[in-house]
Amino acid sequence: KSKIRQLQRELAQSRMMASIPEADVVITNPEHFSVALKYE
């Protein structure tokens, strides 16, 4: 179960990273947090 959760996190994270180039802005903390926003 732990391995499955890890794979799910990695898959979700890879999909999330693929969406960053489409973002309009990345708001940072600047070191601890980063949030990418997109507006149509």
PDB file of all heavy atoms in Angstrom:
ATOM      1  N   LYS A   1       0.826  -1.203   0.000  1.00  0.00           N
ATOM      2  CA  LYS A   1       0.000   0.000   0.000  1.00  0.00           C
ATOM      3  C   LYS A   1       0.860   1.251   0.000  1.00  0.00           C
ATOM      4  O   LYS A   1       0.545   2.242  -0.668  1.00  0.00           O
ATOM      5  CB  LYS A   1      -0.924  -0.007   1.219  1.00  0.00           C
ATOM      6  CG  LYS A   1      -1.996  -1.081   1.160  1.00  0.00           C
ATOM      7  CD  LYS A   1      -2.786  -1.148   2.438  1.00  0.00           C
ATOM      8  CE  LYS A   1      -3.607   0.094   2.660  1.00  0.00           C
ATOM      9  NZ  LYS A   1      -4.440  -0.003   3.880  1.00  0.00           N
ATOM     10  N   SER A   2       1.967   1.209   0.767  1.00  0.00           N
ATOM     11  CA  SER A   2       2.861   2.362   0.801  1.00  0.00           C
ATOM     12  C   SER A   2       3.497   2.609  -0.563  1.00  0.00           C
ATOM     13  O   SER A   2       3.615   3.763  -1.006  1.00  0.00           O
ATOM     14  CB  SER A   2       3.950   2.138   1.856  1.00  0.00           C
ATOM     15  OG  SER A   2       4.876   3.196   1.854  1.00  0.00           O
ATOM     16  N   LYS A   3       3.884   1.514  -1.241  1.00  0.00           N
ATOM     17  CA  LYS A   3       4.481   1.657  -2.562  1.00  0.00           C
ATOM     18  C   LYS A   3       3.472   2.210  -3.557  1.00  0.00           C
ATOM     19  O   LYS A   3       3.807   3.066  -4.400  1.00  0.00           O
ATOM     20  CB  LYS A   3       4.992   0.290  -3.030  1.00  0.00           C
ATOM     21  CG  LYS A   3       5.723   0.329  -4.367  1.00  0.00           C
ATOM     22  CD  LYS A   3       7.015   1.132  -4.283  1.00  0.00           C
ATOM     23  CE  LYS A   3       7.785   1.081  -5.585  1.00  0.00           C
ATOM     24  NZ  LYS A   3       9.028   1.880  -5.533  1.00  0.00           N
ATOM     25  N   ILE A   4       2.209   1.742  -3.455  1.00  0.00           N
ATOM     26  CA  ILE A   4       1.156   2.236  -4.364  1.00  0.00           C
ATOM     27  C   ILE A   4       0.921   3.719  -4.143  1.00  0.00           C
ATOM     28  O   ILE A   4       0.787   4.496  -5.099  1.00  0.00           O
ATOM     29  CB  ILE A   4      -0.132   1.429  -4.158  1.00  0.00           C
ATOM     30  CG1 ILE A   4       0.068  -0.013  -4.639  1.00  0.00           C
ATOM     31  CG2 ILE A   4      -1.304   2.077  -4.897  1.00  0.00           C
ATOM     32  CD1 ILE A   4      -1.096  -0.918  -4.349  1.00  0.00           C
ATOM     33  N   ARG A   5       0.861   4.130  -2.861  1.00  0.00           N
ATOM     34  CA  ARG A   5       0.657   5.558  -2.574  1.00  0.00           C
ATOM     35  C   ARG A   5       1.815   6.392  -3.099  1.00  0.00           C
ATOM     36  O   ARG A   5       1.622   7.502  -3.608  1.00  0.00           O
ATOM     37  CB  ARG A   5       0.480   5.759  -1.071  1.00  0.00           C
ATOM     38  CG  ARG A   5      -0.880   5.337  -0.542  1.00  0.00           C
ATOM     39  CD  ARG A   5      -1.124   5.887   0.840  1.00  0.00           C
ATOM     40  NE  ARG A   5      -0.188   5.340   1.811  1.00  0.00           N
ATOM     41  CZ  ARG A   5      -0.425   4.277   2.555  1.00  0.00           C
ATOM     42  NH1 ARG A   5      -1.575   3.631   2.437  1.00  0.00           N
ATOM     43  NH2 ARG A   5       0.471   3.843   3.426  1.00  0.00           N
ATOM     44  N   GLN A   6       3.028   5.854  -2.986  1.00  0.00           N
ATOM     45  CA  GLN A   6       4.187   6.586  -3.489  1.00  0.00           C
ATOM     46  C   GLN A   6       4.111   6.755  -5.006  1.00  0.00           C
ATOM     47  O   GLN A   6       4.373   7.843  -5.536  1.00  0.00           O
ATOM     48  CB  GLN A   6       5.466   5.844  -3.098  1.00  0.00           C
ATOM     49  CG  GLN A   6       6.734   6.539  -3.580  1.00  0.00           C
ATOM     50  CD  GLN A   6       7.988   5.748  -3.231  1.00  0.00           C
ATOM     51  OE1 GLN A   6       7.921   4.774  -2.492  1.00  0.00           O
ATOM     52  NE2 GLN A   6       9.117   6.168  -3.780  1.00  0.00           N
ATOM     53  N   LEU A   7       3.740   5.675  -5.694  1.00  0.00           N
ATOM     54  CA  LEU A   7       3.604   5.762  -7.149  1.00  0.00           C
ATOM     55  C   LEU A   7       2.500   6.726  -7.553  1.00  0.00           C
ATOM     56  O   LEU A   7       2.630   7.475  -8.535  1.00  0.00           O
ATOM     57  CB  LEU A   7       3.333   4.376  -7.732  1.00  0.00           C
ATOM     58  CG  LEU A   7       4.475   3.353  -7.615  1.00  0.00           C
ATOM     59  CD1 LEU A   7       4.021   1.982  -8.092  1.00  0.00           C
ATOM     60  CD2 LEU A   7       5.691   3.820  -8.416  1.00  0.00           C
ATOM     61  N   GLN A   8       1.400   6.716  -6.791  1.00  0.00           N
ATOM     62  CA  GLN A   8       0.314   7.647  -7.091  1.00  0.00           C
ATOM     63  C   GLN A   8       0.760   9.090  -6.899  1.00  0.00           C
ATOM     64  O   GLN A   8       0.410   9.972  -7.695  1.00  0.00           O
ATOM     65  CB  GLN A   8      -0.887   7.336  -6.196  1.00  0.00           C
ATOM     66  CG  GLN A   8      -1.598   6.042  -6.546  1.00  0.00           C
ATOM     67  CD  GLN A   8      -2.690   5.700  -5.566  1.00  0.00           C
ATOM     68  OE1 GLN A   8      -2.715   6.197  -4.431  1.00  0.00           O
ATOM     69  NE2 GLN A   8      -3.611   4.837  -5.980  1.00  0.00           N
ATOM     70  N   ARG A   9       1.521   9.330  -5.830  1.00  0.00           N
ATOM     71  CA  ARG A   9       2.025  10.688  -5.604  1.00  0.00           C
ATOM     72  C   ARG A   9       2.964  11.117  -6.721  1.00  0.00           C
ATOM     73  O   ARG A   9       2.915  12.258  -7.197  1.00  0.00           O
ATOM     74  CB  ARG A   9       2.736  10.758  -4.245  1.00  0.00           C
ATOM     75  CG  ARG A   9       1.803  10.757  -3.050  1.00  0.00           C
ATOM     76  CD  ARG A   9       2.534  11.183  -1.802  1.00  0.00           C
ATOM     77  NE  ARG A   9       3.644  10.284  -1.490  1.00  0.00           N
ATOM     78  CZ  ARG A   9       3.540   9.232  -0.676  1.00  0.00           C
ATOM     79  NH1 ARG A   9       2.378   8.942  -0.121  1.00  0.00           N
ATOM     80  NH2 ARG A   9       4.586   8.470  -0.427  1.00  0.00           N
ATOM     81  N   GLU A  10       3.851  10.186  -7.130  1.00  0.00           N
ATOM     82  CA  GLU A  10       4.785  10.527  -8.202  1.00  0.00           C
ATOM     83  C   GLU A  10       4.044  10.806  -9.505  1.00  0.00           C
ATOM     84  O   GLU A  10       4.401  11.731 -10.247  1.00  0.00           O
ATOM     85  CB  GLU A  10       5.784   9.387  -8.388  1.00  0.00           C
ATOM     86  CG  GLU A  10       6.743   9.213  -7.214  1.00  0.00           C
ATOM     87  CD  GLU A  10       7.663   8.028  -7.405  1.00  0.00           C
ATOM     88  OE1 GLU A  10       7.477   7.290  -8.405  1.00  0.00           O
ATOM     89  OE2 GLU A  10       8.560   7.824  -6.561  1.00  0.00           O
ATOM     90  N   LEU A  11       3.005  10.015  -9.798  1.00  0.00           N
ATOM     91  CA  LEU A  11       2.241  10.226 -11.021  1.00  0.00           C
ATOM     92  C   LEU A  11       1.495  11.558 -10.978  1.00  0.00           C
ATOM     93  O   LEU A  11       1.499  12.317 -11.966  1.00  0.00           O
ATOM     94  CB  LEU A  11       1.254   9.076 -11.225  1.00  0.00           C
ATOM     95  CG  LEU A  11       0.403   9.109 -12.495  1.00  0.00           C
ATOM     96  CD1 LEU A  11       1.298   9.072 -13.724  1.00  0.00           C
ATOM     97  CD2 LEU A  11      -0.581   7.945 -12.520  1.00  0.00           C
ATOM     98  N   ALA A  12       0.889  11.846  -9.827  1.00  0.00           N
ATOM     99  CA  ALA A  12       0.185  13.128  -9.693  1.00  0.00           C
ATOM    100  C   ALA A  12       1.156  14.300  -9.773  1.00  0.00           C
ATOM    101  O   ALA A  12       0.861  15.349 -10.366  1.00  0.00           O
ATOM    102  CB  ALA A  12      -0.578  13.154  -8.372  1.00  0.00           C
ATOM    103  N   GLN A  13       2.322  14.105  -9.179  1.00  0.00           N
ATOM    104  CA  GLN A  13       3.313  15.183  -9.206  1.00  0.00           C
ATOM    105  C   GLN A  13       3.828  15.427 -10.620  1.00  0.00           C
ATOM    106  O   GLN A  13       4.037  16.584 -11.028  1.00  0.00           O
ATOM    107  CB  GLN A  13       4.473  14.824  -8.279  1.00  0.00           C
ATOM    108  CG  GLN A  13       5.530  15.907  -8.166  1.00  0.00           C
ATOM    109  CD  GLN A  13       6.591  15.546  -7.149  1.00  0.00           C
ATOM    110  OE1 GLN A  13       6.331  14.865  -6.178  1.00  0.00           O
ATOM    111  NE2 GLN A  13       7.812  16.005  -7.382  1.00  0.00           N
ATOM    112  N   SER A  14       4.022  14.344 -11.399  1.00  0.00           N
ATOM    113  CA  SER A  14       4.496  14.522 -12.774  1.00  0.00           C
ATOM    114  C   SER A  14       3.445  15.238 -13.619  1.00  0.00           C
ATOM    115  O   SER A  14       3.790  16.088 -14.458  1.00  0.00           O
ATOM    116  CB  SER A  14       4.837  13.158 -13.380  1.00  0.00           C
ATOM    117  OG  SER A  14       3.690  12.338 -13.458  1.00  0.00           O
ATOM    118  N   ARG A  15       2.163  14.913 -13.415  1.00  0.00           N
ATOM    119  CA  ARG A  15       1.112  15.630 -14.151  1.00  0.00           C
ATOM    120  C   ARG A  15       1.067  17.091 -13.737  1.00  0.00           C
ATOM    121  O   ARG A  15       0.834  17.979 -14.567  1.00  0.00           O
ATOM    122  CB  ARG A  15      -0.250  14.963 -13.892  1.00  0.00           C
ATOM    123  CG  ARG A  15      -0.421  13.621 -14.572  1.00  0.00           C
ATOM    124  CD  ARG A  15      -1.894  13.239 -14.642  1.00  0.00           C
ATOM    125  NE  ARG A  15      -2.463  13.131 -13.294  1.00  0.00           N
ATOM    126  CZ  ARG A  15      -2.600  11.995 -12.631  1.00  0.00           C
ATOM    127  NH1 ARG A  15      -2.177  10.859 -13.171  1.00  0.00           N
ATOM    128  NH2 ARG A  15      -3.152  11.971 -11.441  1.00  0.00           N
ATOM    129  N   MET A  16       1.279  17.337 -12.441  1.00  0.00           N
ATOM    130  CA  MET A  16       1.261  18.706 -11.952  1.00  0.00           C
ATOM    131  C   MET A  16       2.410  19.509 -12.553  1.00  0.00           C
ATOM    132  O   MET A  16       2.230  20.655 -12.995  1.00  0.00           O
ATOM    133  CB  MET A  16       1.354  18.709 -10.414  1.00  0.00           C
ATOM    134  CG  MET A  16       1.346  20.093  -9.781  1.00  0.00           C
ATOM    135  SD  MET A  16       1.598  20.017  -8.000  1.00  0.00           S
ATOM    136  CE  MET A  16       3.329  19.534  -7.919  1.00  0.00           C
ATOM    137  N   MET A  17       3.615  18.902 -12.596  1.00  0.00           N
ATOM    138  CA  MET A  17       4.765  19.603 -13.142  1.00  0.00           C
ATOM    139  C   MET A  17       4.572  19.905 -14.631  1.00  0.00           C
ATOM    140  O   MET A  17       5.049  20.943 -15.128  1.00  0.00           O
ATOM    141  CB  MET A  17       6.037  18.775 -12.939  1.00  0.00           C
ATOM    142  CG  MET A  17       6.415  18.568 -11.473  1.00  0.00           C
ATOM    143  SD  MET A  17       6.705  20.135 -10.605  1.00  0.00           S
ATOM    144  CE  MET A  17       7.109  19.560  -8.960  1.00  0.00           C
ATOM    145  N   ALA A  18       3.868  19.031 -15.335  1.00  0.00           N
ATOM    146  CA  ALA A  18       3.638  19.258 -16.762  1.00  0.00           C
ATOM    147  C   ALA A  18       2.699  20.427 -17.022  1.00  0.00           C
ATOM    148  O   ALA A  18       2.663  20.963 -18.136  1.00  0.00           O
ATOM    149  CB  ALA A  18       3.071  17.991 -17.400  1.00  0.00           C
ATOM    150  N   SER A  19       1.947  20.833 -15.999  1.00  0.00           N
ATOM    151  CA  SER A  19       1.010  21.949 -16.165  1.00  0.00           C
ATOM    152  C   SER A  19       1.642  23.307 -15.877  1.00  0.00           C
ATOM    153  O   SER A  19       1.040  24.343 -16.176  1.00  0.00           O
ATOM    154  CB  SER A  19      -0.196  21.754 -15.229  1.00  0.00           C
ATOM    155  OG  SER A  19      -0.854  20.540 -15.491  1.00  0.00           O
ATOM    156  N   ILE A  20       2.839  23.315 -15.288  1.00  0.00           N
ATOM    157  CA  ILE A  20       3.461  24.584 -14.893  1.00  0.00           C
ATOM    158  C   ILE A  20       3.769  25.491 -16.095  1.00  0.00           C
ATOM    159  O   ILE A  20       3.536  26.710 -16.023  1.00  0.00           O
ATOM    160  CB  ILE A  20       4.733  24.311 -14.070  1.00  0.00           C
ATOM    161  CG1 ILE A  20       4.359  23.618 -12.749  1.00  0.00           C
ATOM    162  CG2 ILE A  20       5.496  25.605 -13.782  1.00  0.00           C
ATOM    163  CD1 ILE A  20       5.536  23.186 -11.921  1.00  0.00           C
ATOM    164  N   PRO A  21       4.271  24.967 -17.224  1.00  0.00           N
ATOM    165  CA  PRO A  21       4.539  25.879 -18.359  1.00  0.00           C
ATOM    166  C   PRO A  21       3.305  26.632 -18.857  1.00  0.00           C
ATOM    167  O   PRO A  21       3.436  27.681 -19.497  1.00  0.00           O
ATOM    168  CB  PRO A  21       5.083  24.934 -19.441  1.00  0.00           C
ATOM    169  CG  PRO A  21       5.661  23.787 -18.685  1.00  0.00           C
ATOM    170  CD  PRO A  21       4.772  23.612 -17.497  1.00  0.00           C
ATOM    171  N   GLU A  22       2.110  26.125 -18.586  1.00  0.00           N
ATOM    172  CA  GLU A  22       0.892  26.793 -19.023  1.00  0.00           C
ATOM    173  C   GLU A  22       0.416  27.842 -18.023  1.00  0.00           C
ATOM    174  O   GLU A  22      -0.569  28.536 -18.291  1.00  0.00           O
ATOM    175  CB  GLU A  22      -0.213  25.751 -19.231  1.00  0.00           C
ATOM    176  CG  GLU A  22       0.147  24.669 -20.258  1.00  0.00           C
ATOM    177  CD  GLU A  22      -0.935  23.605 -20.351  1.00  0.00           C
ATOM    178  OE1 GLU A  22      -1.938  23.729 -19.612  1.00  0.00           O
ATOM    179  OE2 GLU A  22      -0.769  22.660 -21.147  1.00  0.00           O
ATOM    180  N   ALA A  23       1.083  27.943 -16.860  1.00  0.00           N
ATOM    181  CA  ALA A  23       0.639  28.882 -15.833  1.00  0.00           C
ATOM    182  C   ALA A  23       0.936  30.323 -16.245  1.00  0.00           C
ATOM    183  O   ALA A  23       1.858  30.593 -17.039  1.00  0.00           O
ATOM    184  CB  ALA A  23       1.319  28.558 -14.504  1.00  0.00           C
ATOM    185  N   ASP A  24       0.157  31.263 -15.680  1.00  0.00           N
ATOM    186  CA  ASP A  24       0.377  32.695 -15.948  1.00  0.00           C
ATOM    187  C   ASP A  24       1.350  33.308 -14.957  1.00  0.00           C
ATOM    188  O   ASP A  24       2.063  34.257 -15.296  1.00  0.00           O
ATOM    189  CB  ASP A  24      -0.968  33.443 -15.873  1.00  0.00           C
ATOM    190  CG  ASP A  24      -1.900  33.030 -17.002  1.00  0.00           C
ATOM    191  OD1 ASP A  24      -1.457  33.022 -18.159  1.00  0.00           O
ATOM    192  OD2 ASP A  24      -3.068  32.699 -16.716  1.00  0.00           O
ATOM    193  N   VAL A  25       1.404  32.733 -13.736  1.00  0.00           N
ATOM    194  CA  VAL A  25       2.300  33.276 -12.717  1.00  0.00           C
ATOM    195  C   VAL A  25       2.534  32.211 -11.668  1.00  0.00           C
ATOM    196  O   VAL A  25       1.680  31.347 -11.420  1.00  0.00           O
ATOM    197  CB  VAL A  25       1.694  34.546 -12.072  1.00  0.00           C
ATOM    198  CG1 VAL A  25       0.399  34.215 -11.334  1.00  0.00           C
ATOM    199  CG2 VAL A  25       2.691  35.218 -11.121  1.00  0.00           C
ATOM    200  N   VAL A  26       3.718  32.257 -11.068  1.00  0.00           N
ATOM    201  CA  VAL A  26       4.046  31.408  -9.931  1.00  0.00           C
ATOM    202  C   VAL A  26       4.318  32.316  -8.747  1.00  0.00           C
ATOM    203  O   VAL A  26       5.255  33.127  -8.779  1.00  0.00           O
ATOM    204  CB  VAL A  26       5.265  30.509 -10.220  1.00  0.00           C
ATOM    205  CG1 VAL A  26       5.680  29.761  -8.960  1.00  0.00           C
ATOM    206  CG2 VAL A  26       4.952  29.524 -11.335  1.00  0.00           C
ATOM    207  N   ILE A  27       3.506  32.204  -7.721  1.00  0.00           N
ATOM    208  CA  ILE A  27       3.656  33.023  -6.515  1.00  0.00           C
ATOM    209  C   ILE A  27       4.459  32.222  -5.515  1.00  0.00           C
ATOM    210  O   ILE A  27       4.150  31.058  -5.229  1.00  0.00           O
ATOM    211  CB  ILE A  27       2.271  33.395  -5.939  1.00  0.00           C
ATOM    212  CG1 ILE A  27       1.412  34.069  -7.007  1.00  0.00           C
ATOM    213  CG2 ILE A  27       2.411  34.305  -4.734  1.00  0.00           C
ATOM    214  CD1 ILE A  27      -0.017  34.320  -6.580  1.00  0.00           C
ATOM    215  N   THR A  28       5.509  32.830  -4.958  1.00  0.00           N
ATOM    216  CA  THR A  28       6.421  32.117  -4.070  1.00  0.00           C
ATOM    217  C   THR A  28       6.439  32.739  -2.689  1.00  0.00           C
ATOM    218  O   THR A  28       5.989  33.861  -2.477  1.00  0.00           O
ATOM    219  CB  THR A  28       7.852  32.133  -4.641  1.00  0.00           C
ATOM    220  OG1 THR A  28       8.334  33.483  -4.668  1.00  0.00           O
ATOM    221  CG2 THR A  28       7.871  31.561  -6.049  1.00  0.00           C
ATOM    222  N   ASN A  29       7.044  31.983  -1.751  1.00  0.00           N
ATOM    223  CA  ASN A  29       7.061  32.392  -0.344  1.00  0.00           C
ATOM    224  C   ASN A  29       8.234  33.268   0.104  1.00  0.00           C
ATOM    225  O   ASN A  29       8.053  33.978   1.123  1.00  0.00           O
ATOM    226  CB  ASN A  29       6.995  31.144   0.542  1.00  0.00           C
ATOM    227  CG  ASN A  29       6.748  31.472   1.986  1.00  0.00           C
ATOM    228  OD1 ASN A  29       6.042  32.408   2.309  1.00  0.00           O
ATOM    229  ND2 ASN A  29       7.349  30.705   2.879  1.00  0.00           N
ATOM    230  N   PRO A  30       9.418  33.176  -0.373  1.00  0.00           N
ATOM    231  CA  PRO A  30       9.900  32.635  -1.643  1.00  0.00           C
ATOM    232  C   PRO A  30      10.504  31.242  -1.587  1.00  0.00           C
ATOM    233  O   PRO A  30      10.759  30.657  -2.632  1.00  0.00           O
ATOM    234  CB  PRO A  30      10.971  33.622  -2.024  1.00  0.00           C
ATOM    235  CG  PRO A  30      11.552  34.040  -0.725  1.00  0.00           C
ATOM    236  CD  PRO A  30      10.424  34.054   0.258  1.00  0.00           C
ATOM    237  N   GLU A  31      10.793  30.683  -0.394  1.00  0.00           N
ATOM    238  CA  GLU A  31      11.539  29.421  -0.353  1.00  0.00           C
ATOM    239  C   GLU A  31      10.667  28.230   0.023  1.00  0.00           C
ATOM    240  O   GLU A  31      10.863  27.129  -0.489  1.00  0.00           O
ATOM    241  CB  GLU A  31      12.697  29.540   0.647  1.00  0.00           C
ATOM    242  CG  GLU A  31      13.738  30.572   0.243  1.00  0.00           C
ATOM    243  CD  GLU A  31      14.833  30.691   1.280  1.00  0.00           C
ATOM    244  OE1 GLU A  31      14.723  30.001   2.312  1.00  0.00           O
ATOM    245  OE2 GLU A  31      15.788  31.447   1.058  1.00  0.00           O
ATOM    246  N   HIS A  32       9.734  28.444   0.918  1.00  0.00           N
ATOM    247  CA  HIS A  32       8.983  27.302   1.451  1.00  0.00           C
ATOM    248  C   HIS A  32       7.788  26.896   0.592  1.00  0.00           C
ATOM    249  O   HIS A  32       7.455  25.713   0.526  1.00  0.00           O
ATOM    250  CB  HIS A  32       8.503  27.603   2.878  1.00  0.00           C
ATOM    251  CG  HIS A  32       9.616  27.836   3.840  1.00  0.00           C
ATOM    252  ND1 HIS A  32      10.481  26.836   4.225  1.00  0.00           N
ATOM    253  CD2 HIS A  32      10.031  28.960   4.484  1.00  0.00           C
ATOM    254  CE1 HIS A  32      11.370  27.321   5.073  1.00  0.00           C
ATOM    255  NE2 HIS A  32      11.117  28.617   5.248  1.00  0.00           N
ATOM    256  N   PHE A  33       7.133  27.844  -0.048  1.00  0.00           N
ATOM    257  CA  PHE A  33       5.909  27.545  -0.799  1.00  0.00           C
ATOM    258  C   PHE A  33       5.987  28.144  -2.197  1.00  0.00           C
ATOM    259  O   PHE A  33       6.531  29.233  -2.380  1.00  0.00           O
ATOM    260  CB  PHE A  33       4.667  28.096  -0.086  1.00  0.00           C
ATOM    261  CG  PHE A  33       4.488  27.572   1.311  1.00  0.00           C
ATOM    262  CD1 PHE A  33       4.806  28.356   2.403  1.00  0.00           C
ATOM    263  CD2 PHE A  33       4.018  26.291   1.528  1.00  0.00           C
ATOM    264  CE1 PHE A  33       4.654  27.886   3.689  1.00  0.00           C
ATOM    265  CE2 PHE A  33       3.858  25.811   2.811  1.00  0.00           C
ATOM    266  CZ  PHE A  33       4.180  26.603   3.903  1.00  0.00           C
ATOM    267  N   SER A  34       5.378  27.409  -3.153  1.00  0.00           N
ATOM    268  CA  SER A  34       5.223  27.915  -4.514  1.00  0.00           C
ATOM    269  C   SER A  34       3.845  27.514  -5.016  1.00  0.00           C
ATOM    270  O   SER A  34       3.423  26.356  -4.830  1.00  0.00           O
ATOM    271  CB  SER A  34       6.297  27.359  -5.453  1.00  0.00           C
ATOM    272  OG  SER A  34       7.572  27.857  -5.102  1.00  0.00           O
ATOM    273  N   VAL A  35       3.160  28.456  -5.667  1.00  0.00           N
ATOM    274  CA  VAL A  35       1.810  28.212  -6.173  1.00  0.00           C
ATOM    275  C   VAL A  35       1.741  28.738  -7.601  1.00  0.00           C
ATOM    276  O   VAL A  35       2.034  29.912  -7.846  1.00  0.00           O
ATOM    277  CB  VAL A  35       0.739  28.900  -5.301  1.00  0.00           C
ATOM    278  CG1 VAL A  35      -0.642  28.649  -5.890  1.00  0.00           C
ATOM    279  CG2 VAL A  35       0.807  28.406  -3.868  1.00  0.00           C
ATOM    280  N   ALA A  36       1.354  27.877  -8.546  1.00  0.00           N
ATOM    281  CA  ALA A  36       1.227  28.278  -9.941  1.00  0.00           C
ATOM    282  C   ALA A  36      -0.250  28.489 -10.267  1.00  0.00           C
ATOM    283  O   ALA A  36      -1.069  27.609 -10.014  1.00  0.00           O
ATOM    284  CB  ALA A  36       1.824  27.214 -10.856  1.00  0.00           C
ATOM    285  N   LEU A  37      -0.569  29.665 -10.825  1.00  0.00           N
ATOM    286  CA  LEU A  37      -1.944  30.017 -11.148  1.00  0.00           C
ATOM    287  C   LEU A  37      -2.112  30.188 -12.649  1.00  0.00           C
ATOM    288  O   LEU A  37      -1.207  30.668 -13.339  1.00  0.00           O
ATOM    289  CB  LEU A  37      -2.351  31.317 -10.442  1.00  0.00           C
ATOM    290  CG  LEU A  37      -2.302  31.334  -8.910  1.00  0.00           C
ATOM    291  CD1 LEU A  37      -2.677  32.704  -8.383  1.00  0.00           C
ATOM    292  CD2 LEU A  37      -3.231  30.268  -8.339  1.00  0.00           C
ATOM    293  N   LYS A  38      -3.291  29.791 -13.111  1.00  0.00           N
ATOM    294  CA  LYS A  38      -3.628  29.966 -14.522  1.00  0.00           C
ATOM    295  C   LYS A  38      -5.015  30.580 -14.613  1.00  0.00           C
ATOM    296  O   LYS A  38      -5.931  30.176 -13.897  1.00  0.00           O
ATOM    297  CB  LYS A  38      -3.602  28.619 -15.253  1.00  0.00           C
ATOM    298  CG  LYS A  38      -3.939  28.729 -16.731  1.00  0.00           C
ATOM    299  CD  LYS A  38      -3.924  27.352 -17.391  1.00  0.00           C
ATOM    300  CE  LYS A  38      -4.270  27.461 -18.867  1.00  0.00           C
ATOM    301  NZ  LYS A  38      -4.289  26.142 -19.536  1.00  0.00           N
ATOM    302  N   TYR A  39      -5.131  31.571 -15.531  1.00  0.00           N
ATOM    303  CA  TYR A  39      -6.422  32.244 -15.691  1.00  0.00           C
ATOM    304  C   TYR A  39      -6.768  32.307 -17.168  1.00  0.00           C
ATOM    305  O   TYR A  39      -5.978  32.775 -17.994  1.00  0.00           O
ATOM    306  CB  TYR A  39      -6.371  33.653 -15.095  1.00  0.00           C
ATOM    307  CG  TYR A  39      -7.656  34.429 -15.281  1.00  0.00           C
ATOM    308  CD1 TYR A  39      -8.843  33.983 -14.717  1.00  0.00           C
ATOM    309  CD2 TYR A  39      -7.676  35.591 -16.036  1.00  0.00           C
ATOM    310  CE1 TYR A  39     -10.031  34.674 -14.892  1.00  0.00           C
ATOM    311  CE2 TYR A  39      -8.868  36.300 -16.215  1.00  0.00           C
ATOM    312  CZ  TYR A  39     -10.040  35.829 -15.648  1.00  0.00           C
ATOM    313  OH  TYR A  39     -11.215  36.510 -15.825  1.00  0.00           O
ATOM    314  N   GLU A  40      -7.966  31.794 -17.484  1.00  0.00           N
ATOM    315  CA  GLU A  40      -8.462  31.849 -18.854  1.00  0.00           C
ATOM    316  C   GLU A  40      -9.222  33.162 -19.043  1.00  0.00           C
ATOM    317  O   GLU A  40     -10.307  33.337 -18.474  1.00  0.00           O
ATOM    318  CB  GLU A  40      -9.386  30.661 -19.149  1.00  0.00           C
ATOM    319  CG  GLU A  40      -8.704  29.305 -19.099  1.00  0.00           C
ATOM    320  CD  GLU A  40      -7.767  29.100 -20.270  1.00  0.00           C
ATOM    321  OE1 GLU A  40      -7.848  29.880 -21.247  1.00  0.00           O
ATOM    322  OE2 GLU A  40      -6.940  28.165 -20.215  1.00  0.00           O
TER     323      GLU A  40
END
